[in-house]
Amino acid sequence: MTASELVVHVNRVESAAAVSHDDVVRAVRAVADAEAVKSGEISITFLDPLAIAALNEAHLERQGPTDVIAFNLAELSAPLADIYICPAIARQSATEYGVDLREELLRLIVHGMLHVVGYDHPEGEGRLESEMYRRQEDLLGELMQPGEQE
């Protein structure tokens, strides 16, 4: 895949100090490659809790901040997508799950991308057994392999 076929925009990455611009692009492209997405335009934006809570309420009719919200405005095979991630919520989850913040942020990028390419998951207990969760964790495992970080 060439850079001109899949365009990745990274916004406010400085608010997610545990990941770099390159980490974000690599995670987006890893999911795109794994899911045979050859073209599209993906925007990843890191938001504070108040901003993501406003999006959550306005677009999903849910109260309060969340970790990740993804919108795809085009075809699954050539997405035009916005993914919003809240580092503060990711930090809370990382502490709860006993993982470092970088891993949790990469997990949320993968999670958002999987939604963009058509995956979904049930709420509640079935979430951890879902195909999407298994795919997410497999892709995250590949991203976290030593030597894969640049």
N, C-alpha and C. Protein backbone atom coordinates (compact mmCIF):
# COMPACT_ATOMS: atom_id res chain seq x y z
N MET A 1 0.85 -1.17 0.00
CA MET A 1 0.00 0.00 0.00
C MET A 1 0.90 1.23 0.00
N THR A 2 0.61 2.18 -0.83
CA THR A 2 1.39 3.40 -0.86
C THR A 2 0.69 4.46 -0.03
N ALA A 3 1.47 5.44 0.38
CA ALA A 3 0.93 6.50 1.23
C ALA A 3 -0.20 7.25 0.54
N SER A 4 -0.19 7.33 -0.79
CA SER A 4 -1.23 8.08 -1.48
C SER A 4 -2.56 7.34 -1.52
N GLU A 5 -2.57 6.04 -1.31
CA GLU A 5 -3.81 5.28 -1.36
C GLU A 5 -4.59 5.34 -0.06
N LEU A 6 -3.90 5.35 1.07
CA LEU A 6 -4.53 5.47 2.38
C LEU A 6 -3.90 6.68 3.07
N VAL A 7 -4.70 7.70 3.25
CA VAL A 7 -4.23 8.92 3.89
C VAL A 7 -4.64 8.86 5.36
N VAL A 8 -3.68 9.12 6.24
CA VAL A 8 -3.94 9.11 7.68
C VAL A 8 -3.59 10.48 8.26
N HIS A 9 -4.57 11.10 8.90
CA HIS A 9 -4.37 12.38 9.59
C HIS A 9 -4.34 12.09 11.08
N VAL A 10 -3.37 12.66 11.77
CA VAL A 10 -3.26 12.49 13.22
C VAL A 10 -3.35 13.87 13.85
N ASN A 11 -4.33 14.06 14.72
CA ASN A 11 -4.60 15.36 15.31
C ASN A 11 -4.47 15.32 16.83
N ARG A 12 -3.78 16.29 17.36
CA ARG A 12 -3.60 16.47 18.81
C ARG A 12 -2.89 15.29 19.46
N VAL A 13 -1.95 14.65 18.75
CA VAL A 13 -1.24 13.50 19.31
C VAL A 13 -0.44 13.90 20.55
N GLU A 14 -0.08 15.16 20.67
CA GLU A 14 0.66 15.61 21.84
C GLU A 14 -0.13 15.39 23.14
N SER A 15 -1.45 15.32 23.05
CA SER A 15 -2.25 15.07 24.25
C SER A 15 -2.26 13.59 24.63
N ALA A 16 -1.70 12.76 23.76
CA ALA A 16 -1.58 11.32 24.03
C ALA A 16 -0.11 10.98 24.04
N ALA A 17 0.61 11.51 24.99
CA ALA A 17 2.08 11.45 25.00
C ALA A 17 2.66 10.04 24.92
N ALA A 18 1.88 9.04 25.21
CA ALA A 18 2.40 7.66 25.21
C ALA A 18 2.54 7.07 23.81
N VAL A 19 1.93 7.70 22.80
CA VAL A 19 2.07 7.24 21.41
C VAL A 19 2.57 8.39 20.55
N SER A 20 3.28 8.03 19.52
CA SER A 20 3.78 9.03 18.58
C SER A 20 2.90 9.07 17.34
N HIS A 21 3.11 10.07 16.53
CA HIS A 21 2.43 10.16 15.24
C HIS A 21 2.68 8.88 14.44
N ASP A 22 3.92 8.41 14.41
CA ASP A 22 4.27 7.19 13.67
C ASP A 22 3.55 5.95 14.22
N ASP A 23 3.42 5.87 15.56
CA ASP A 23 2.68 4.75 16.18
C ASP A 23 1.24 4.71 15.66
N VAL A 24 0.62 5.89 15.63
CA VAL A 24 -0.78 5.98 15.21
C VAL A 24 -0.93 5.55 13.75
N VAL A 25 -0.08 6.08 12.89
CA VAL A 25 -0.14 5.74 11.47
C VAL A 25 0.10 4.25 11.27
N ARG A 26 1.09 3.71 11.98
CA ARG A 26 1.40 2.28 11.85
C ARG A 26 0.22 1.41 12.27
N ALA A 27 -0.46 1.78 13.35
CA ALA A 27 -1.61 1.01 13.82
C ALA A 27 -2.77 1.08 12.82
N VAL A 28 -3.04 2.26 12.28
CA VAL A 28 -4.10 2.41 11.28
C VAL A 28 -3.79 1.55 10.06
N ARG A 29 -2.56 1.63 9.59
CA ARG A 29 -2.18 0.88 8.40
C ARG A 29 -2.16 -0.62 8.63
N ALA A 30 -1.82 -1.05 9.85
CA ALA A 30 -1.82 -2.48 10.16
C ALA A 30 -3.23 -3.06 10.03
N VAL A 31 -4.21 -2.33 10.55
CA VAL A 31 -5.60 -2.80 10.45
C VAL A 31 -6.05 -2.74 8.99
N ALA A 32 -5.73 -1.65 8.31
CA ALA A 32 -6.11 -1.52 6.90
C ALA A 32 -5.54 -2.67 6.08
N ASP A 33 -4.26 -2.97 6.27
CA ASP A 33 -3.63 -4.07 5.54
C ASP A 33 -4.30 -5.41 5.86
N ALA A 34 -4.54 -5.65 7.15
CA ALA A 34 -5.13 -6.91 7.58
C ALA A 34 -6.55 -7.09 7.05
N GLU A 35 -7.24 -5.98 6.82
CA GLU A 35 -8.64 -6.04 6.37
C GLU A 35 -8.78 -5.71 4.89
N ALA A 36 -7.67 -5.70 4.17
CA ALA A 36 -7.65 -5.47 2.71
C ALA A 36 -8.24 -4.13 2.30
N VAL A 37 -8.03 -3.11 3.13
CA VAL A 37 -8.44 -1.76 2.80
C VAL A 37 -7.28 -1.12 2.05
N LYS A 38 -7.50 -0.82 0.79
CA LYS A 38 -6.43 -0.34 -0.08
C LYS A 38 -6.39 1.18 -0.20
N SER A 39 -7.52 1.84 0.08
CA SER A 39 -7.55 3.28 -0.05
C SER A 39 -8.53 3.85 0.96
N GLY A 40 -8.47 5.15 1.12
CA GLY A 40 -9.37 5.83 2.03
C GLY A 40 -8.66 6.97 2.72
N GLU A 41 -9.38 7.59 3.63
CA GLU A 41 -8.83 8.70 4.41
C GLU A 41 -9.33 8.55 5.84
N ILE A 42 -8.39 8.43 6.75
CA ILE A 42 -8.70 8.20 8.17
C ILE A 42 -8.14 9.37 8.97
N SER A 43 -8.96 9.92 9.84
CA SER A 43 -8.51 10.97 10.75
C SER A 43 -8.62 10.44 12.18
N ILE A 44 -7.51 10.49 12.89
CA ILE A 44 -7.48 10.10 14.31
C ILE A 44 -7.27 11.38 15.11
N THR A 45 -8.19 11.67 16.03
CA THR A 45 -8.10 12.87 16.85
C THR A 45 -8.20 12.48 18.32
N PHE A 46 -7.26 13.00 19.10
CA PHE A 46 -7.24 12.76 20.54
C PHE A 46 -7.94 13.93 21.23
N LEU A 47 -8.94 13.61 22.07
CA LEU A 47 -9.77 14.62 22.71
C LEU A 47 -9.75 14.50 24.22
N ASP A 48 -10.06 15.60 24.89
CA ASP A 48 -10.20 15.57 26.34
C ASP A 48 -11.58 15.01 26.69
N PRO A 49 -11.80 14.67 27.96
CA PRO A 49 -13.08 14.05 28.35
C PRO A 49 -14.32 14.88 28.02
N LEU A 50 -14.24 16.20 28.19
CA LEU A 50 -15.41 17.03 27.89
C LEU A 50 -15.76 17.01 26.41
N ALA A 51 -14.77 17.07 25.55
CA ALA A 51 -15.02 17.08 24.11
C ALA A 51 -15.58 15.74 23.63
N ILE A 52 -15.02 14.64 24.12
CA ILE A 52 -15.54 13.34 23.67
C ILE A 52 -16.92 13.07 24.26
N ALA A 53 -17.18 13.59 25.47
CA ALA A 53 -18.51 13.45 26.07
C ALA A 53 -19.55 14.18 25.22
N ALA A 54 -19.19 15.35 24.70
CA ALA A 54 -20.11 16.11 23.85
C ALA A 54 -20.41 15.34 22.56
N LEU A 55 -19.39 14.75 21.95
CA LEU A 55 -19.60 13.92 20.75
C LEU A 55 -20.47 12.71 21.08
N ASN A 56 -20.19 12.08 22.20
CA ASN A 56 -20.92 10.89 22.62
C ASN A 56 -22.41 11.19 22.77
N GLU A 57 -22.70 12.33 23.39
CA GLU A 57 -24.10 12.69 23.59
C GLU A 57 -24.76 13.12 22.28
N ALA A 58 -24.08 13.94 21.50
CA ALA A 58 -24.66 14.48 20.27
C ALA A 58 -24.90 13.41 19.21
N HIS A 59 -23.99 12.46 19.08
CA HIS A 59 -24.07 11.50 17.98
C HIS A 59 -24.52 10.10 18.38
N LEU A 60 -24.27 9.72 19.63
CA LEU A 60 -24.63 8.36 20.06
C LEU A 60 -25.69 8.36 21.16
N GLU A 61 -26.11 9.56 21.57
CA GLU A 61 -27.12 9.72 22.62
C GLU A 61 -26.76 9.00 23.90
N ARG A 62 -25.47 9.03 24.23
CA ARG A 62 -24.98 8.43 25.47
C ARG A 62 -24.35 9.54 26.32
N GLN A 63 -24.52 9.41 27.62
CA GLN A 63 -24.00 10.42 28.54
C GLN A 63 -22.56 10.13 28.94
N GLY A 64 -21.77 11.17 29.09
CA GLY A 64 -20.43 11.07 29.64
C GLY A 64 -19.36 10.73 28.63
N PRO A 65 -18.12 10.82 29.08
CA PRO A 65 -16.99 10.52 28.20
C PRO A 65 -16.87 9.02 27.93
N THR A 66 -16.24 8.69 26.83
CA THR A 66 -15.97 7.31 26.46
C THR A 66 -14.54 7.23 25.95
N ASP A 67 -14.06 6.03 25.70
CA ASP A 67 -12.67 5.88 25.27
C ASP A 67 -12.45 6.12 23.79
N VAL A 68 -13.39 5.64 22.94
CA VAL A 68 -13.22 5.76 21.49
C VAL A 68 -14.58 5.86 20.81
N ILE A 69 -14.65 6.72 19.80
CA ILE A 69 -15.83 6.84 18.95
C ILE A 69 -15.33 6.84 17.51
N ALA A 70 -15.99 6.07 16.65
CA ALA A 70 -15.58 5.98 15.25
C ALA A 70 -16.78 6.21 14.33
N PHE A 71 -16.54 6.99 13.29
CA PHE A 71 -17.55 7.26 12.27
C PHE A 71 -16.94 6.97 10.90
N ASN A 72 -17.63 6.20 10.08
CA ASN A 72 -17.21 5.99 8.69
C ASN A 72 -18.27 6.61 7.80
N LEU A 73 -17.84 7.51 6.93
CA LEU A 73 -18.77 8.24 6.08
C LEU A 73 -18.79 7.73 4.65
N ALA A 74 -18.11 6.62 4.38
CA ALA A 74 -18.00 6.13 3.01
C ALA A 74 -18.07 4.60 3.00
N GLU A 75 -17.50 4.01 1.97
CA GLU A 75 -17.49 2.56 1.79
C GLU A 75 -16.59 1.88 2.83
N LEU A 76 -16.92 0.67 3.22
CA LEU A 76 -16.08 -0.08 4.15
C LEU A 76 -14.71 -0.36 3.54
N SER A 77 -14.66 -0.58 2.25
CA SER A 77 -13.40 -0.93 1.59
C SER A 77 -12.54 0.29 1.26
N ALA A 78 -13.11 1.48 1.32
CA ALA A 78 -12.37 2.73 1.08
C ALA A 78 -12.94 3.80 2.01
N PRO A 79 -12.68 3.68 3.30
CA PRO A 79 -13.35 4.53 4.27
C PRO A 79 -12.92 6.00 4.22
N LEU A 80 -13.85 6.84 4.60
CA LEU A 80 -13.61 8.24 4.91
C LEU A 80 -14.07 8.34 6.36
N ALA A 81 -13.13 8.27 7.28
CA ALA A 81 -13.52 8.03 8.67
C ALA A 81 -12.86 8.99 9.65
N ASP A 82 -13.59 9.25 10.71
CA ASP A 82 -13.08 10.01 11.85
C ASP A 82 -13.12 9.10 13.07
N ILE A 83 -11.99 9.01 13.75
CA ILE A 83 -11.90 8.24 14.99
C ILE A 83 -11.43 9.19 16.07
N TYR A 84 -12.18 9.21 17.18
CA TYR A 84 -11.86 10.09 18.30
C TYR A 84 -11.50 9.22 19.49
N ILE A 85 -10.39 9.57 20.14
CA ILE A 85 -9.90 8.78 21.28
C ILE A 85 -9.63 9.73 22.45
N CYS A 86 -9.99 9.30 23.64
CA CYS A 86 -9.78 10.10 24.85
C CYS A 86 -8.65 9.48 25.68
N PRO A 87 -7.46 10.10 25.66
CA PRO A 87 -6.33 9.56 26.43
C PRO A 87 -6.61 9.46 27.93
N ALA A 88 -7.41 10.38 28.49
CA ALA A 88 -7.69 10.32 29.92
C ALA A 88 -8.48 9.07 30.28
N ILE A 89 -9.44 8.70 29.45
CA ILE A 89 -10.21 7.48 29.69
C ILE A 89 -9.32 6.26 29.42
N ALA A 90 -8.47 6.34 28.41
CA ALA A 90 -7.53 5.25 28.12
C ALA A 90 -6.60 5.03 29.31
N ARG A 91 -6.18 6.09 29.95
CA ARG A 91 -5.30 5.98 31.12
C ARG A 91 -6.01 5.23 32.24
N GLN A 92 -7.29 5.55 32.47
CA GLN A 92 -8.07 4.85 33.50
C GLN A 92 -8.18 3.36 33.17
N SER A 93 -8.45 3.05 31.90
CA SER A 93 -8.58 1.65 31.48
C SER A 93 -7.26 0.91 31.60
N ALA A 94 -6.17 1.57 31.22
CA ALA A 94 -4.85 0.94 31.31
C ALA A 94 -4.54 0.56 32.76
N THR A 95 -4.86 1.45 33.68
CA THR A 95 -4.65 1.16 35.11
C THR A 95 -5.53 -0.01 35.55
N GLU A 96 -6.79 0.02 35.14
CA GLU A 96 -7.74 -1.03 35.51
C GLU A 96 -7.31 -2.40 34.97
N TYR A 97 -6.80 -2.45 33.74
CA TYR A 97 -6.43 -3.70 33.10
C TYR A 97 -4.97 -4.09 33.33
N GLY A 98 -4.20 -3.22 33.97
CA GLY A 98 -2.81 -3.53 34.26
C GLY A 98 -1.91 -3.54 33.03
N VAL A 99 -2.18 -2.64 32.07
CA VAL A 99 -1.35 -2.51 30.88
C VAL A 99 -0.80 -1.09 30.82
N ASP A 100 0.23 -0.90 30.00
CA ASP A 100 0.74 0.47 29.91
C ASP A 100 -0.16 1.29 28.99
N LEU A 101 -0.05 2.61 29.11
CA LEU A 101 -0.92 3.51 28.37
C LEU A 101 -0.72 3.38 26.87
N ARG A 102 0.50 3.19 26.42
CA ARG A 102 0.76 3.04 24.99
C ARG A 102 -0.03 1.86 24.41
N GLU A 103 -0.01 0.73 25.11
CA GLU A 103 -0.76 -0.44 24.65
C GLU A 103 -2.25 -0.14 24.59
N GLU A 104 -2.77 0.52 25.59
CA GLU A 104 -4.21 0.81 25.60
C GLU A 104 -4.59 1.78 24.48
N LEU A 105 -3.76 2.77 24.21
CA LEU A 105 -4.03 3.70 23.12
C LEU A 105 -3.99 2.99 21.77
N LEU A 106 -3.01 2.11 21.58
CA LEU A 106 -2.96 1.32 20.35
C LEU A 106 -4.20 0.43 20.23
N ARG A 107 -4.65 -0.15 21.34
CA ARG A 107 -5.86 -0.98 21.34
C ARG A 107 -7.06 -0.17 20.86
N LEU A 108 -7.15 1.08 21.32
CA LEU A 108 -8.29 1.92 20.93
C LEU A 108 -8.22 2.32 19.46
N ILE A 109 -7.03 2.55 18.94
CA ILE A 109 -6.88 2.84 17.51
C ILE A 109 -7.34 1.63 16.70
N VAL A 110 -6.87 0.44 17.08
CA VAL A 110 -7.29 -0.79 16.40
C VAL A 110 -8.80 -0.97 16.52
N HIS A 111 -9.33 -0.77 17.70
CA HIS A 111 -10.77 -0.91 17.94
C HIS A 111 -11.56 0.02 17.03
N GLY A 112 -11.17 1.30 17.00
CA GLY A 112 -11.86 2.26 16.15
C GLY A 112 -11.77 1.89 14.69
N MET A 113 -10.60 1.47 14.25
CA MET A 113 -10.44 1.06 12.85
C MET A 113 -11.30 -0.15 12.51
N LEU A 114 -11.40 -1.11 13.42
CA LEU A 114 -12.25 -2.27 13.17
C LEU A 114 -13.71 -1.86 13.01
N HIS A 115 -14.17 -0.90 13.81
CA HIS A 115 -15.52 -0.39 13.62
C HIS A 115 -15.66 0.24 12.23
N VAL A 116 -14.66 1.00 11.83
CA VAL A 116 -14.68 1.69 10.54
C VAL A 116 -14.81 0.70 9.38
N VAL A 117 -14.17 -0.46 9.51
CA VAL A 117 -14.21 -1.44 8.41
C VAL A 117 -15.35 -2.46 8.56
N GLY A 118 -16.27 -2.18 9.51
CA GLY A 118 -17.49 -2.97 9.55
C GLY A 118 -17.68 -3.92 10.72
N TYR A 119 -16.73 -4.03 11.61
CA TYR A 119 -16.90 -4.90 12.77
C TYR A 119 -17.78 -4.22 13.81
N ASP A 120 -18.45 -5.04 14.60
CA ASP A 120 -19.22 -4.54 15.73
C ASP A 120 -19.16 -5.59 16.83
N HIS A 121 -19.58 -5.21 18.00
CA HIS A 121 -19.54 -6.12 19.15
C HIS A 121 -20.76 -5.89 20.02
N PRO A 122 -21.16 -6.91 20.75
CA PRO A 122 -22.27 -6.72 21.69
C PRO A 122 -21.79 -5.94 22.91
N GLU A 123 -22.72 -5.38 23.62
CA GLU A 123 -22.39 -4.74 24.90
C GLU A 123 -22.41 -5.81 25.98
N GLY A 124 -21.76 -5.54 27.08
CA GLY A 124 -21.80 -6.45 28.22
C GLY A 124 -20.84 -7.63 28.08
N GLU A 125 -21.22 -8.74 28.70
CA GLU A 125 -20.33 -9.90 28.82
C GLU A 125 -19.94 -10.51 27.48
N GLY A 126 -20.81 -10.51 26.50
CA GLY A 126 -20.51 -11.10 25.20
C GLY A 126 -19.43 -10.37 24.43
N ARG A 127 -19.10 -9.18 24.87
CA ARG A 127 -18.10 -8.37 24.17
C ARG A 127 -16.75 -9.06 24.08
N LEU A 128 -16.31 -9.67 25.17
CA LEU A 128 -14.99 -10.31 25.21
C LEU A 128 -14.91 -11.60 24.40
N GLU A 129 -16.05 -12.17 24.05
CA GLU A 129 -16.07 -13.38 23.23
C GLU A 129 -16.35 -13.08 21.77
N SER A 130 -16.57 -11.82 21.44
CA SER A 130 -16.96 -11.45 20.08
C SER A 130 -15.81 -11.60 19.09
N GLU A 131 -16.18 -11.78 17.84
CA GLU A 131 -15.19 -11.85 16.76
C GLU A 131 -14.36 -10.57 16.71
N MET A 132 -15.01 -9.44 16.93
CA MET A 132 -14.29 -8.16 16.89
C MET A 132 -13.23 -8.10 17.97
N TYR A 133 -13.56 -8.50 19.18
CA TYR A 133 -12.59 -8.46 20.28
C TYR A 133 -11.40 -9.37 19.98
N ARG A 134 -11.68 -10.58 19.49
CA ARG A 134 -10.58 -11.50 19.16
C ARG A 134 -9.69 -10.91 18.07
N ARG A 135 -10.29 -10.33 17.05
CA ARG A 135 -9.54 -9.71 15.96
C ARG A 135 -8.70 -8.54 16.49
N GLN A 136 -9.31 -7.73 17.33
CA GLN A 136 -8.62 -6.59 17.94
C GLN A 136 -7.38 -7.04 18.69
N GLU A 137 -7.53 -8.05 19.53
CA GLU A 137 -6.41 -8.50 20.35
C GLU A 137 -5.31 -9.17 19.51
N ASP A 138 -5.71 -9.88 18.44
CA ASP A 138 -4.71 -10.46 17.53
C ASP A 138 -3.90 -9.37 16.86
N LEU A 139 -4.57 -8.36 16.33
CA LEU A 139 -3.87 -7.26 15.66
C LEU A 139 -3.01 -6.46 16.64
N LEU A 140 -3.53 -6.24 17.83
CA LEU A 140 -2.75 -5.53 18.84
C LEU A 140 -1.51 -6.33 19.19
N GLY A 141 -1.64 -7.64 19.33
CA GLY A 141 -0.48 -8.49 19.62
C GLY A 141 0.60 -8.35 18.57
N GLU A 142 0.19 -8.27 17.30
CA GLU A 142 1.16 -8.08 16.22
C GLU A 142 1.84 -6.72 16.32
N LEU A 143 1.07 -5.70 16.66
CA LEU A 143 1.64 -4.35 16.80
C LEU A 143 2.62 -4.25 17.96
N MET A 144 2.39 -5.04 19.01
CA MET A 144 3.21 -4.95 20.21
C MET A 144 4.45 -5.84 20.16
N GLN A 145 4.64 -6.58 19.07
CA GLN A 145 5.82 -7.47 18.93
C GLN A 145 7.09 -6.64 18.97
N PRO A 146 8.13 -7.14 19.68
CA PRO A 146 9.42 -6.45 19.66
C PRO A 146 9.93 -6.34 18.22
N GLY A 147 10.55 -5.22 17.93
CA GLY A 147 11.07 -5.00 16.59
C GLY A 147 10.05 -4.36 15.67
N GLU A 148 8.77 -4.34 16.08
CA GLU A 148 7.73 -3.73 15.26
C GLU A 148 7.63 -2.24 15.55
N GLN A 149 8.18 -1.81 16.68
CA GLN A 149 8.08 -0.40 17.04
C GLN A 149 9.20 0.35 16.32
N GLU A 150 8.83 1.47 15.74
CA GLU A 150 9.81 2.27 15.02
C GLU A 150 9.88 3.64 15.61
